[in-house]
Amino acid sequence: MRTREKKAETVYNDFVTCIGAKAQGGYITEAGFIDYYADINACTPAEKDDYFIDMVLKTWGLNTDKVYVSA
């Protein structure tokens, strides 16, 4: 039986690979993390802003009570 579970190390390595050049020496800086999501947001149509915010919050297990979103 296949599961969708991954080890934390695998998830981290996949994300570092995905983030590409924004990861420096295998580490993700705050600036690199923000740049990565800015690039993704730039490809998202403006009418999908709420979808993008919801996707990021759910991906990282956050809710709007704990997040400041600047316009």
PDB file of N, CA and C in Angstrom:
ATOM      1  N   MET A   1       0.842  -1.176   0.000  1.00  0.00           N
ATOM      2  CA  MET A   1       0.000   0.000   0.000  1.00  0.00           C
ATOM      3  C   MET A   1       0.892   1.247   0.000  1.00  0.00           C
ATOM      4  N   ARG A   2       0.560   2.204  -0.858  1.00  0.00           N
ATOM      5  CA  ARG A   2       1.302   3.462  -0.921  1.00  0.00           C
ATOM      6  C   ARG A   2       0.667   4.496  -0.011  1.00  0.00           C
ATOM      7  N   THR A   3       1.514   5.257   0.635  1.00  0.00           N
ATOM      8  CA  THR A   3       1.012   6.364   1.444  1.00  0.00           C
ATOM      9  C   THR A   3       1.599   7.648   0.888  1.00  0.00           C
ATOM     10  N   ARG A   4       1.016   8.744   1.268  1.00  0.00           N
ATOM     11  CA  ARG A   4       1.505  10.047   0.828  1.00  0.00           C
ATOM     12  C   ARG A   4       2.442  10.656   1.863  1.00  0.00           C
ATOM     13  N   GLU A   5       2.750   9.912   2.893  1.00  0.00           N
ATOM     14  CA  GLU A   5       3.602  10.423   3.954  1.00  0.00           C
ATOM     15  C   GLU A   5       5.047  10.487   3.490  1.00  0.00           C
ATOM     16  N   LYS A   6       5.730  11.550   3.899  1.00  0.00           N
ATOM     17  CA  LYS A   6       7.142  11.725   3.594  1.00  0.00           C
ATOM     18  C   LYS A   6       7.868  12.077   4.876  1.00  0.00           C
ATOM     19  N   LYS A   7       9.124  11.722   4.926  1.00  0.00           N
ATOM     20  CA  LYS A   7       9.953  12.115   6.060  1.00  0.00           C
ATOM     21  C   LYS A   7      10.219  13.611   5.958  1.00  0.00           C
ATOM     22  N   ALA A   8      10.412  14.241   7.106  1.00  0.00           N
ATOM     23  CA  ALA A   8      10.671  15.687   7.145  1.00  0.00           C
ATOM     24  C   ALA A   8      11.877  16.051   6.283  1.00  0.00           C
ATOM     25  N   GLU A   9      12.904  15.238   6.318  1.00  0.00           N
ATOM     26  CA  GLU A   9      14.113  15.504   5.527  1.00  0.00           C
ATOM     27  C   GLU A   9      13.806  15.493   4.029  1.00  0.00           C
ATOM     28  N   THR A  10      12.953  14.584   3.594  1.00  0.00           N
ATOM     29  CA  THR A  10      12.570  14.514   2.181  1.00  0.00           C
ATOM     30  C   THR A  10      11.795  15.751   1.772  1.00  0.00           C
ATOM     31  N   VAL A  11      10.857  16.176   2.604  1.00  0.00           N
ATOM     32  CA  VAL A  11      10.064  17.374   2.316  1.00  0.00           C
ATOM     33  C   VAL A  11      10.974  18.591   2.224  1.00  0.00           C
ATOM     34  N   TYR A  12      11.903  18.717   3.180  1.00  0.00           N
ATOM     35  CA  TYR A  12      12.838  19.841   3.177  1.00  0.00           C
ATOM     36  C   TYR A  12      13.694  19.827   1.912  1.00  0.00           C
ATOM     37  N   ASN A  13      14.253  18.679   1.569  1.00  0.00           N
ATOM     38  CA  ASN A  13      15.096  18.589   0.377  1.00  0.00           C
ATOM     39  C   ASN A  13      14.308  18.900  -0.892  1.00  0.00           C
ATOM     40  N   ASP A  14      13.074  18.439  -0.966  1.00  0.00           N
ATOM     41  CA  ASP A  14      12.216  18.754  -2.115  1.00  0.00           C
ATOM     42  C   ASP A  14      11.975  20.255  -2.211  1.00  0.00           C
ATOM     43  N   PHE A  15      11.733  20.898  -1.071  1.00  0.00           N
ATOM     44  CA  PHE A  15      11.479  22.336  -1.069  1.00  0.00           C
ATOM     45  C   PHE A  15      12.737  23.109  -1.461  1.00  0.00           C
ATOM     46  N   VAL A  16      13.894  22.694  -0.958  1.00  0.00           N
ATOM     47  CA  VAL A  16      15.155  23.352  -1.321  1.00  0.00           C
ATOM     48  C   VAL A  16      15.384  23.225  -2.831  1.00  0.00           C
ATOM     49  N   THR A  17      15.093  22.051  -3.382  1.00  0.00           N
ATOM     50  CA  THR A  17      15.228  21.852  -4.820  1.00  0.00           C
ATOM     51  C   THR A  17      14.267  22.764  -5.580  1.00  0.00           C
ATOM     52  N   CYS A  18      13.046  22.859  -5.096  1.00  0.00           N
ATOM     53  CA  CYS A  18      12.019  23.686  -5.743  1.00  0.00           C
ATOM     54  C   CYS A  18      12.366  25.165  -5.674  1.00  0.00           C
ATOM     55  N   ILE A  19      12.871  25.598  -4.553  1.00  0.00           N
ATOM     56  CA  ILE A  19      13.185  27.010  -4.360  1.00  0.00           C
ATOM     57  C   ILE A  19      14.432  27.411  -5.158  1.00  0.00           C
ATOM     58  N   GLY A  20      15.241  26.426  -5.513  1.00  0.00           N
ATOM     59  CA  GLY A  20      16.373  26.627  -6.410  1.00  0.00           C
ATOM     60  C   GLY A  20      17.424  27.588  -5.913  1.00  0.00           C
ATOM     61  N   ALA A  21      17.758  28.558  -6.746  1.00  0.00           N
ATOM     62  CA  ALA A  21      18.849  29.504  -6.468  1.00  0.00           C
ATOM     63  C   ALA A  21      18.585  30.359  -5.234  1.00  0.00           C
ATOM     64  N   LYS A  22      17.357  30.407  -4.796  1.00  0.00           N
ATOM     65  CA  LYS A  22      17.032  31.216  -3.615  1.00  0.00           C
ATOM     66  C   LYS A  22      17.501  30.530  -2.328  1.00  0.00           C
ATOM     67  N   ALA A  23      17.851  29.246  -2.429  1.00  0.00           N
ATOM     68  CA  ALA A  23      18.430  28.518  -1.294  1.00  0.00           C
ATOM     69  C   ALA A  23      19.947  28.627  -1.420  1.00  0.00           C
ATOM     70  N   GLN A  24      20.577  29.063  -0.374  1.00  0.00           N
ATOM     71  CA  GLN A  24      22.018  29.274  -0.398  1.00  0.00           C
ATOM     72  C   GLN A  24      22.719  28.169   0.375  1.00  0.00           C
ATOM     73  N   GLY A  25      23.444  27.320  -0.361  1.00  0.00           N
ATOM     74  CA  GLY A  25      24.173  26.238   0.286  1.00  0.00           C
ATOM     75  C   GLY A  25      23.278  25.245   1.001  1.00  0.00           C
ATOM     76  N   GLY A  26      22.082  25.031   0.478  1.00  0.00           N
ATOM     77  CA  GLY A  26      21.152  24.095   1.101  1.00  0.00           C
ATOM     78  C   GLY A  26      20.323  24.690   2.212  1.00  0.00           C
ATOM     79  N   TYR A  27      20.468  25.989   2.448  1.00  0.00           N
ATOM     80  CA  TYR A  27      19.698  26.680   3.483  1.00  0.00           C
ATOM     81  C   TYR A  27      18.765  27.692   2.839  1.00  0.00           C
ATOM     82  N   ILE A  28      17.602  27.839   3.418  1.00  0.00           N
ATOM     83  CA  ILE A  28      16.617  28.786   2.905  1.00  0.00           C
ATOM     84  C   ILE A  28      16.621  30.001   3.826  1.00  0.00           C
ATOM     85  N   THR A  29      16.977  31.145   3.263  1.00  0.00           N
ATOM     86  CA  THR A  29      16.969  32.373   4.051  1.00  0.00           C
ATOM     87  C   THR A  29      15.558  32.954   4.054  1.00  0.00           C
ATOM     88  N   GLU A  30      15.324  33.863   4.970  1.00  0.00           N
ATOM     89  CA  GLU A  30      14.020  34.546   5.001  1.00  0.00           C
ATOM     90  C   GLU A  30      13.783  35.280   3.679  1.00  0.00           C
ATOM     91  N   ALA A  31      14.807  35.969   3.196  1.00  0.00           N
ATOM     92  CA  ALA A  31      14.676  36.705   1.932  1.00  0.00           C
ATOM     93  C   ALA A  31      14.395  35.747   0.770  1.00  0.00           C
ATOM     94  N   GLY A  32      15.075  34.607   0.749  1.00  0.00           N
ATOM     95  CA  GLY A  32      14.848  33.620  -0.302  1.00  0.00           C
ATOM     96  C   GLY A  32      13.441  33.056  -0.258  1.00  0.00           C
ATOM     97  N   PHE A  33      12.940  32.811   0.953  1.00  0.00           N
ATOM     98  CA  PHE A  33      11.582  32.304   1.154  1.00  0.00           C
ATOM     99  C   PHE A  33      10.562  33.312   0.635  1.00  0.00           C
ATOM    100  N   ILE A  34      10.748  34.577   0.996  1.00  0.00           N
ATOM    101  CA  ILE A  34       9.825  35.632   0.559  1.00  0.00           C
ATOM    102  C   ILE A  34       9.896  35.813  -0.953  1.00  0.00           C
ATOM    103  N   ASP A  35      11.101  35.807  -1.513  1.00  0.00           N
ATOM    104  CA  ASP A  35      11.262  35.936  -2.971  1.00  0.00           C
ATOM    105  C   ASP A  35      10.572  34.795  -3.710  1.00  0.00           C
ATOM    106  N   TYR A  36      10.694  33.590  -3.167  1.00  0.00           N
ATOM    107  CA  TYR A  36      10.064  32.420  -3.782  1.00  0.00           C
ATOM    108  C   TYR A  36       8.551  32.620  -3.893  1.00  0.00           C
ATOM    109  N   TYR A  37       7.924  33.011  -2.784  1.00  0.00           N
ATOM    110  CA  TYR A  37       6.478  33.194  -2.808  1.00  0.00           C
ATOM    111  C   TYR A  37       6.069  34.444  -3.592  1.00  0.00           C
ATOM    112  N   ALA A  38       6.927  35.450  -3.653  1.00  0.00           N
ATOM    113  CA  ALA A  38       6.643  36.621  -4.490  1.00  0.00           C
ATOM    114  C   ALA A  38       6.613  36.209  -5.956  1.00  0.00           C
ATOM    115  N   ASP A  39       7.530  35.333  -6.354  1.00  0.00           N
ATOM    116  CA  ASP A  39       7.542  34.832  -7.733  1.00  0.00           C
ATOM    117  C   ASP A  39       6.282  34.046  -8.050  1.00  0.00           C
ATOM    118  N   ILE A  40       5.865  33.192  -7.111  1.00  0.00           N
ATOM    119  CA  ILE A  40       4.634  32.423  -7.329  1.00  0.00           C
ATOM    120  C   ILE A  40       3.435  33.362  -7.417  1.00  0.00           C
ATOM    121  N   ASN A  41       3.377  34.345  -6.523  1.00  0.00           N
ATOM    122  CA  ASN A  41       2.266  35.291  -6.527  1.00  0.00           C
ATOM    123  C   ASN A  41       2.230  36.099  -7.820  1.00  0.00           C
ATOM    124  N   ALA A  42       3.392  36.406  -8.372  1.00  0.00           N
ATOM    125  CA  ALA A  42       3.447  37.188  -9.621  1.00  0.00           C
ATOM    126  C   ALA A  42       2.805  36.429 -10.776  1.00  0.00           C
ATOM    127  N   CYS A  43       2.766  35.107 -10.687  1.00  0.00           N
ATOM    128  CA  CYS A  43       2.167  34.279 -11.739  1.00  0.00           C
ATOM    129  C   CYS A  43       0.688  34.003 -11.496  1.00  0.00           C
ATOM    130  N   THR A  44       0.184  34.482 -10.378  1.00  0.00           N
ATOM    131  CA  THR A  44      -1.213  34.256 -10.016  1.00  0.00           C
ATOM    132  C   THR A  44      -2.037  35.465 -10.416  1.00  0.00           C
ATOM    133  N   PRO A  45      -3.124  35.261 -11.164  1.00  0.00           N
ATOM    134  CA  PRO A  45      -3.965  36.400 -11.549  1.00  0.00           C
ATOM    135  C   PRO A  45      -4.458  37.183 -10.329  1.00  0.00           C
ATOM    136  N   ALA A  46      -4.591  38.491 -10.485  1.00  0.00           N
ATOM    137  CA  ALA A  46      -4.990  39.367  -9.373  1.00  0.00           C
ATOM    138  C   ALA A  46      -6.301  38.931  -8.732  1.00  0.00           C
ATOM    139  N   GLU A  47      -7.225  38.405  -9.522  1.00  0.00           N
ATOM    140  CA  GLU A  47      -8.514  37.990  -8.961  1.00  0.00           C
ATOM    141  C   GLU A  47      -8.382  36.732  -8.101  1.00  0.00           C
ATOM    142  N   LYS A  48      -7.207  36.131  -8.089  1.00  0.00           N
ATOM    143  CA  LYS A  48      -6.962  34.938  -7.285  1.00  0.00           C
ATOM    144  C   LYS A  48      -6.139  35.241  -6.029  1.00  0.00           C
ATOM    145  N   ASP A  49      -6.035  36.501  -5.636  1.00  0.00           N
ATOM    146  CA  ASP A  49      -5.247  36.868  -4.461  1.00  0.00           C
ATOM    147  C   ASP A  49      -5.694  36.128  -3.207  1.00  0.00           C
ATOM    148  N   ASP A  50      -6.999  36.042  -2.997  1.00  0.00           N
ATOM    149  CA  ASP A  50      -7.511  35.333  -1.821  1.00  0.00           C
ATOM    150  C   ASP A  50      -7.132  33.858  -1.861  1.00  0.00           C
ATOM    151  N   TYR A  51      -7.180  33.261  -3.053  1.00  0.00           N
ATOM    152  CA  TYR A  51      -6.777  31.867  -3.215  1.00  0.00           C
ATOM    153  C   TYR A  51      -5.298  31.697  -2.857  1.00  0.00           C
ATOM    154  N   PHE A  52      -4.457  32.606  -3.347  1.00  0.00           N
ATOM    155  CA  PHE A  52      -3.021  32.527  -3.067  1.00  0.00           C
ATOM    156  C   PHE A  52      -2.750  32.623  -1.571  1.00  0.00           C
ATOM    157  N   ILE A  53      -3.360  33.592  -0.915  1.00  0.00           N
ATOM    158  CA  ILE A  53      -3.162  33.769   0.532  1.00  0.00           C
ATOM    159  C   ILE A  53      -3.624  32.529   1.276  1.00  0.00           C
ATOM    160  N   ASP A  54      -4.789  32.001   0.919  1.00  0.00           N
ATOM    161  CA  ASP A  54      -5.318  30.802   1.566  1.00  0.00           C
ATOM    162  C   ASP A  54      -4.384  29.610   1.353  1.00  0.00           C
ATOM    163  N   MET A  55      -3.839  29.470   0.147  1.00  0.00           N
ATOM    164  CA  MET A  55      -2.927  28.373  -0.162  1.00  0.00           C
ATOM    165  C   MET A  55      -1.668  28.446   0.704  1.00  0.00           C
ATOM    166  N   VAL A  56      -1.080  29.632   0.824  1.00  0.00           N
ATOM    167  CA  VAL A  56       0.135  29.785   1.629  1.00  0.00           C
ATOM    168  C   VAL A  56      -0.156  29.509   3.101  1.00  0.00           C
ATOM    169  N   LEU A  57      -1.247  30.054   3.606  1.00  0.00           N
ATOM    170  CA  LEU A  57      -1.598  29.836   5.014  1.00  0.00           C
ATOM    171  C   LEU A  57      -1.810  28.355   5.315  1.00  0.00           C
ATOM    172  N   LYS A  58      -2.554  27.668   4.458  1.00  0.00           N
ATOM    173  CA  LYS A  58      -2.825  26.250   4.682  1.00  0.00           C
ATOM    174  C   LYS A  58      -1.566  25.409   4.524  1.00  0.00           C
ATOM    175  N   THR A  59      -0.720  25.768   3.566  1.00  0.00           N
ATOM    176  CA  THR A  59       0.521  25.021   3.357  1.00  0.00           C
ATOM    177  C   THR A  59       1.390  25.021   4.601  1.00  0.00           C
ATOM    178  N   TRP A  60       1.425  26.168   5.291  1.00  0.00           N
ATOM    179  CA  TRP A  60       2.308  26.307   6.444  1.00  0.00           C
ATOM    180  C   TRP A  60       1.568  26.194   7.772  1.00  0.00           C
ATOM    181  N   GLY A  61       0.296  25.774   7.734  1.00  0.00           N
ATOM    182  CA  GLY A  61      -0.461  25.552   8.965  1.00  0.00           C
ATOM    183  C   GLY A  61      -0.723  26.817   9.753  1.00  0.00           C
ATOM    184  N   LEU A  62      -0.936  27.919   9.045  1.00  0.00           N
ATOM    185  CA  LEU A  62      -1.176  29.209   9.698  1.00  0.00           C
ATOM    186  C   LEU A  62      -2.636  29.592   9.566  1.00  0.00           C
ATOM    187  N   ASN A  63      -3.044  30.585  10.349  1.00  0.00           N
ATOM    188  CA  ASN A  63      -4.372  31.151  10.156  1.00  0.00           C
ATOM    189  C   ASN A  63      -4.245  32.673  10.152  1.00  0.00           C
ATOM    190  N   THR A  64      -5.283  33.346   9.717  1.00  0.00           N
ATOM    191  CA  THR A  64      -5.221  34.801   9.560  1.00  0.00           C
ATOM    192  C   THR A  64      -5.088  35.539  10.875  1.00  0.00           C
ATOM    193  N   ASP A  65      -5.382  34.886  11.993  1.00  0.00           N
ATOM    194  CA  ASP A  65      -5.220  35.540  13.298  1.00  0.00           C
ATOM    195  C   ASP A  65      -3.754  35.794  13.628  1.00  0.00           C
ATOM    196  N   LYS A  66      -2.865  35.013  13.025  1.00  0.00           N
ATOM    197  CA  LYS A  66      -1.437  35.090  13.345  1.00  0.00           C
ATOM    198  C   LYS A  66      -0.606  35.720  12.232  1.00  0.00           C
ATOM    199  N   VAL A  67      -1.258  36.178  11.170  1.00  0.00           N
ATOM    200  CA  VAL A  67      -0.521  36.634   9.993  1.00  0.00           C
ATOM    201  C   VAL A  67      -0.884  38.071   9.658  1.00  0.00           C
ATOM    202  N   TYR A  68       0.117  38.855   9.375  1.00  0.00           N
ATOM    203  CA  TYR A  68      -0.097  40.205   8.878  1.00  0.00           C
ATOM    204  C   TYR A  68       0.120  40.170   7.372  1.00  0.00           C
ATOM    205  N   VAL A  69      -0.877  40.563   6.622  1.00  0.00           N
ATOM    206  CA  VAL A  69      -0.779  40.585   5.167  1.00  0.00           C
ATOM    207  C   VAL A  69      -0.804  42.033   4.722  1.00  0.00           C
ATOM    208  N   SER A  70       0.287  42.495   4.129  1.00  0.00           N
ATOM    209  CA  SER A  70       0.330  43.884   3.655  1.00  0.00           C
ATOM    210  C   SER A  70      -0.164  43.934   2.223  1.00  0.00           C
ATOM    211  N   ALA A  71      -0.786  45.015   1.875  1.00  0.00           N
ATOM    212  CA  ALA A  71      -1.327  45.183   0.519  1.00  0.00           C
ATOM    213  C   ALA A  71      -0.306  45.769  -0.407  1.00  0.00           C
TER     214      ALA A  71
END
